[in-house]
Amino acid sequence: MTVLRFTLSCTPTAQARVRHSVAYKSAGQKSAEAVLDDLLSARAPKKPLEGPLVLEFVAGMPIPASFSKKQREAMLRGEIAHTKKPDLDNMAKQLKDAMSRTGFWGDDRQVVSLRCSKCYAAVPHWEVAVYTQEEAQ
């Protein structure tokens, strides 16, 4: 049984990488985090989840406007993979940090398994599911 399953209607983004020993966040990064936090706050459990957890997500990425109709259709069918930035591991970090800030769990170290992917989507979104470790087996 799924503990939580939901879709967030926003463009998935990635956690900014530390550059030159300085943790710098651009205005765009801060804005993306605020949007994600707002959407997640509405989905957060009444009390933080406990124990080992499994986090699954699919990041539905926007299709660039410059692509042809034929290319767009191939992307939506999954025939063309999303191999552009952002990196999937940085996207996972962004989502886990936002879920920590909004009270899904006490600490993201509770996530013992991560199942994630990214693909092109007609409407950008995050599809998220959180399970207890026992339920995932």
C-alpha atoms as a PDB file:
ATOM      1  CA  MET A   1       0.000   0.000   0.000  1.00  0.00           C
ATOM      2  CA  THR A   2       1.288   3.452  -0.882  1.00  0.00           C
ATOM      3  CA  VAL A   3       1.804   5.806   1.999  1.00  0.00           C
ATOM      4  CA  LEU A   4       1.518   8.841  -0.294  1.00  0.00           C
ATOM      5  CA  ARG A   5       1.086   9.349  -4.046  1.00  0.00           C
ATOM      6  CA  PHE A   6       0.572  12.685  -5.799  1.00  0.00           C
ATOM      7  CA  THR A   7       1.404  14.843  -8.819  1.00  0.00           C
ATOM      8  CA  LEU A   8       2.833  18.350  -8.572  1.00  0.00           C
ATOM      9  CA  SER A   9       2.111  20.702 -11.473  1.00  0.00           C
ATOM     10  CA  CYS A  10       5.385  22.553 -11.889  1.00  0.00           C
ATOM     11  CA  THR A  11       8.564  22.232 -13.914  1.00  0.00           C
ATOM     12  CA  PRO A  12      11.002  19.898 -12.143  1.00  0.00           C
ATOM     13  CA  THR A  13      14.283  21.555 -11.242  1.00  0.00           C
ATOM     14  CA  ALA A  14      17.573  20.456  -9.716  1.00  0.00           C
ATOM     15  CA  GLN A  15      19.411  21.403  -6.565  1.00  0.00           C
ATOM     16  CA  ALA A  16      22.118  23.959  -7.321  1.00  0.00           C
ATOM     17  CA  ARG A  17      25.627  22.566  -6.994  1.00  0.00           C
ATOM     18  CA  VAL A  18      28.114  24.182  -4.642  1.00  0.00           C
ATOM     19  CA  ARG A  19      30.646  26.148  -6.652  1.00  0.00           C
ATOM     20  CA  HIS A  20      34.063  27.220  -5.361  1.00  0.00           C
ATOM     21  CA  SER A  21      33.231  26.267  -1.754  1.00  0.00           C
ATOM     22  CA  VAL A  22      30.336  28.731  -1.716  1.00  0.00           C
ATOM     23  CA  ALA A  23      26.709  27.692  -1.454  1.00  0.00           C
ATOM     24  CA  TYR A  24      25.136  30.191  -3.849  1.00  0.00           C
ATOM     25  CA  LYS A  25      21.509  30.066  -4.924  1.00  0.00           C
ATOM     26  CA  SER A  26      20.316  32.174  -7.808  1.00  0.00           C
ATOM     27  CA  ALA A  27      17.006  34.008  -7.749  1.00  0.00           C
ATOM     28  CA  GLY A  28      15.657  31.362 -10.154  1.00  0.00           C
ATOM     29  CA  GLN A  29      16.742  28.556  -7.818  1.00  0.00           C
ATOM     30  CA  LYS A  30      15.138  30.260  -4.823  1.00  0.00           C
ATOM     31  CA  SER A  31      11.926  30.817  -6.788  1.00  0.00           C
ATOM     32  CA  ALA A  32      11.788  27.177  -7.949  1.00  0.00           C
ATOM     33  CA  GLU A  33      12.315  26.008  -4.350  1.00  0.00           C
ATOM     34  CA  ALA A  34       9.519  28.290  -3.108  1.00  0.00           C
ATOM     35  CA  VAL A  35       7.079  26.931  -5.710  1.00  0.00           C
ATOM     36  CA  LEU A  36       7.992  23.343  -4.867  1.00  0.00           C
ATOM     37  CA  ASP A  37       7.703  24.021  -1.128  1.00  0.00           C
ATOM     38  CA  ASP A  38       4.248  25.575  -1.570  1.00  0.00           C
ATOM     39  CA  LEU A  39       2.979  22.630  -3.622  1.00  0.00           C
ATOM     40  CA  LEU A  40       4.464  20.066  -1.244  1.00  0.00           C
ATOM     41  CA  SER A  41       3.102  21.802   1.874  1.00  0.00           C
ATOM     42  CA  ALA A  42      -0.425  21.070   0.686  1.00  0.00           C
ATOM     43  CA  ARG A  43       0.458  17.345   0.358  1.00  0.00           C
ATOM     44  CA  ALA A  44       2.519  16.896   3.530  1.00  0.00           C
ATOM     45  CA  PRO A  45       1.278  14.397   6.119  1.00  0.00           C
ATOM     46  CA  LYS A  46      -0.119  15.717   9.414  1.00  0.00           C
ATOM     47  CA  LYS A  47       2.901  14.260  11.203  1.00  0.00           C
ATOM     48  CA  PRO A  48       6.268  13.317   9.676  1.00  0.00           C
ATOM     49  CA  LEU A  49       6.587   9.762   8.360  1.00  0.00           C
ATOM     50  CA  GLU A  50       8.735   7.498  10.492  1.00  0.00           C
ATOM     51  CA  GLY A  51      11.152   4.677   9.787  1.00  0.00           C
ATOM     52  CA  PRO A  52      12.881   3.683   6.555  1.00  0.00           C
ATOM     53  CA  LEU A  53      11.177   5.040   3.431  1.00  0.00           C
ATOM     54  CA  VAL A  54      11.193   4.493  -0.317  1.00  0.00           C
ATOM     55  CA  LEU A  55      10.871   7.565  -2.535  1.00  0.00           C
ATOM     56  CA  GLU A  56       9.797   7.195  -6.149  1.00  0.00           C
ATOM     57  CA  PHE A  57       9.437   9.998  -8.642  1.00  0.00           C
ATOM     58  CA  VAL A  58       9.116  10.701 -12.335  1.00  0.00           C
ATOM     59  CA  ALA A  59      10.124  14.160 -13.485  1.00  0.00           C
ATOM     60  CA  GLY A  60       8.057  15.145 -16.512  1.00  0.00           C
ATOM     61  CA  MET A  61      10.231  17.664 -18.325  1.00  0.00           C
ATOM     62  CA  PRO A  62       9.025  20.318 -20.779  1.00  0.00           C
ATOM     63  CA  ILE A  63       9.556  19.804 -24.489  1.00  0.00           C
ATOM     64  CA  PRO A  64      11.555  22.633 -26.072  1.00  0.00           C
ATOM     65  CA  ALA A  65       9.403  24.781 -28.379  1.00  0.00           C
ATOM     66  CA  SER A  66      12.040  24.562 -31.115  1.00  0.00           C
ATOM     67  CA  PHE A  67      11.368  20.859 -31.739  1.00  0.00           C
ATOM     68  CA  SER A  68       9.219  19.723 -34.648  1.00  0.00           C
ATOM     69  CA  LYS A  69       5.807  18.116 -34.199  1.00  0.00           C
ATOM     70  CA  LYS A  70       7.287  14.757 -35.216  1.00  0.00           C
ATOM     71  CA  GLN A  71      10.072  15.082 -32.623  1.00  0.00           C
ATOM     72  CA  ARG A  72       7.589  16.191 -29.949  1.00  0.00           C
ATOM     73  CA  GLU A  73       5.409  13.143 -30.596  1.00  0.00           C
ATOM     74  CA  ALA A  74       8.454  10.846 -30.392  1.00  0.00           C
ATOM     75  CA  MET A  75       9.417  12.460 -27.085  1.00  0.00           C
ATOM     76  CA  LEU A  76       5.946  11.941 -25.650  1.00  0.00           C
ATOM     77  CA  ARG A  77       6.025   8.274 -26.718  1.00  0.00           C
ATOM     78  CA  GLY A  78       9.353   7.870 -24.899  1.00  0.00           C
ATOM     79  CA  GLU A  79      11.303   7.210 -28.092  1.00  0.00           C
ATOM     80  CA  ILE A  80      13.584  10.175 -27.364  1.00  0.00           C
ATOM     81  CA  ALA A  81      14.930  10.201 -23.814  1.00  0.00           C
ATOM     82  CA  HIS A  82      15.522  13.347 -21.794  1.00  0.00           C
ATOM     83  CA  THR A  83      19.333  13.369 -21.682  1.00  0.00           C
ATOM     84  CA  LYS A  84      19.694  17.114 -21.129  1.00  0.00           C
ATOM     85  CA  LYS A  85      20.241  18.995 -17.897  1.00  0.00           C
ATOM     86  CA  PRO A  86      19.221  18.902 -15.159  1.00  0.00           C
ATOM     87  CA  ASP A  87      20.958  15.795 -13.867  1.00  0.00           C
ATOM     88  CA  LEU A  88      18.662  13.246 -12.274  1.00  0.00           C
ATOM     89  CA  ASP A  89      20.700  12.992  -9.055  1.00  0.00           C
ATOM     90  CA  ASN A  90      20.469  16.760  -8.513  1.00  0.00           C
ATOM     91  CA  MET A  91      16.728  16.610  -9.141  1.00  0.00           C
ATOM     92  CA  ALA A  92      16.424  13.912  -6.469  1.00  0.00           C
ATOM     93  CA  LYS A  93      18.343  16.128  -4.052  1.00  0.00           C
ATOM     94  CA  GLN A  94      16.026  19.064  -4.793  1.00  0.00           C
ATOM     95  CA  LEU A  95      12.893  17.000  -4.148  1.00  0.00           C
ATOM     96  CA  LYS A  96      14.249  15.291  -1.014  1.00  0.00           C
ATOM     97  CA  ASP A  97      15.369  18.606   0.494  1.00  0.00           C
ATOM     98  CA  ALA A  98      11.988  20.201  -0.249  1.00  0.00           C
ATOM     99  CA  MET A  99      10.157  17.241   1.289  1.00  0.00           C
ATOM    100  CA  SER A 100      12.347  17.576   4.384  1.00  0.00           C
ATOM    101  CA  ARG A 101      11.603  21.299   4.664  1.00  0.00           C
ATOM    102  CA  THR A 102       7.852  20.687   4.359  1.00  0.00           C
ATOM    103  CA  GLY A 103       7.685  17.930   6.993  1.00  0.00           C
ATOM    104  CA  PHE A 104       7.268  14.685   5.071  1.00  0.00           C
ATOM    105  CA  TRP A 105       9.875  13.046   7.318  1.00  0.00           C
ATOM    106  CA  GLY A 106      12.230  14.023  10.095  1.00  0.00           C
ATOM    107  CA  ASP A 107      15.314  13.780   7.907  1.00  0.00           C
ATOM    108  CA  ASP A 108      15.933  12.679   4.328  1.00  0.00           C
ATOM    109  CA  ARG A 109      18.372  10.042   5.585  1.00  0.00           C
ATOM    110  CA  GLN A 110      15.191   7.994   6.218  1.00  0.00           C
ATOM    111  CA  VAL A 111      15.011   7.488   2.429  1.00  0.00           C
ATOM    112  CA  VAL A 112      16.719   4.116   2.033  1.00  0.00           C
ATOM    113  CA  SER A 113      15.667   3.489  -1.548  1.00  0.00           C
ATOM    114  CA  LEU A 114      15.246   5.910  -4.416  1.00  0.00           C
ATOM    115  CA  ARG A 115      13.546   5.007  -7.698  1.00  0.00           C
ATOM    116  CA  CYS A 116      13.551   7.881 -10.144  1.00  0.00           C
ATOM    117  CA  SER A 117      13.426   8.782 -13.808  1.00  0.00           C
ATOM    118  CA  LYS A 118      12.911  11.748 -16.091  1.00  0.00           C
ATOM    119  CA  CYS A 119      11.122  11.961 -19.390  1.00  0.00           C
ATOM    120  CA  TYR A 120       9.530  14.526 -21.666  1.00  0.00           C
ATOM    121  CA  ALA A 121       5.942  15.486 -20.871  1.00  0.00           C
ATOM    122  CA  ALA A 122       3.288  17.638 -22.534  1.00  0.00           C
ATOM    123  CA  VAL A 123       2.744  19.335 -19.163  1.00  0.00           C
ATOM    124  CA  PRO A 124       5.765  19.550 -16.829  1.00  0.00           C
ATOM    125  CA  HIS A 125       5.236  17.847 -13.473  1.00  0.00           C
ATOM    126  CA  TRP A 126       6.598  15.683 -10.670  1.00  0.00           C
ATOM    127  CA  GLU A 127       4.877  12.318 -10.028  1.00  0.00           C
ATOM    128  CA  VAL A 128       5.799  11.358  -6.467  1.00  0.00           C
ATOM    129  CA  ALA A 129       5.199   8.282  -4.309  1.00  0.00           C
ATOM    130  CA  VAL A 130       6.486   7.525  -0.804  1.00  0.00           C
ATOM    131  CA  TYR A 131       6.281   4.057   0.737  1.00  0.00           C
ATOM    132  CA  THR A 132       7.485   2.531   3.961  1.00  0.00           C
ATOM    133  CA  GLN A 133      10.253   0.035   3.315  1.00  0.00           C
ATOM    134  CA  GLU A 134       7.987  -2.866   4.321  1.00  0.00           C
ATOM    135  CA  GLU A 135       5.289  -1.825   1.856  1.00  0.00           C
ATOM    136  CA  ALA A 136       7.797  -1.598  -0.991  1.00  0.00           C
ATOM    137  CA  GLN A 137       8.858  -5.242  -0.674  1.00  0.00           C
END
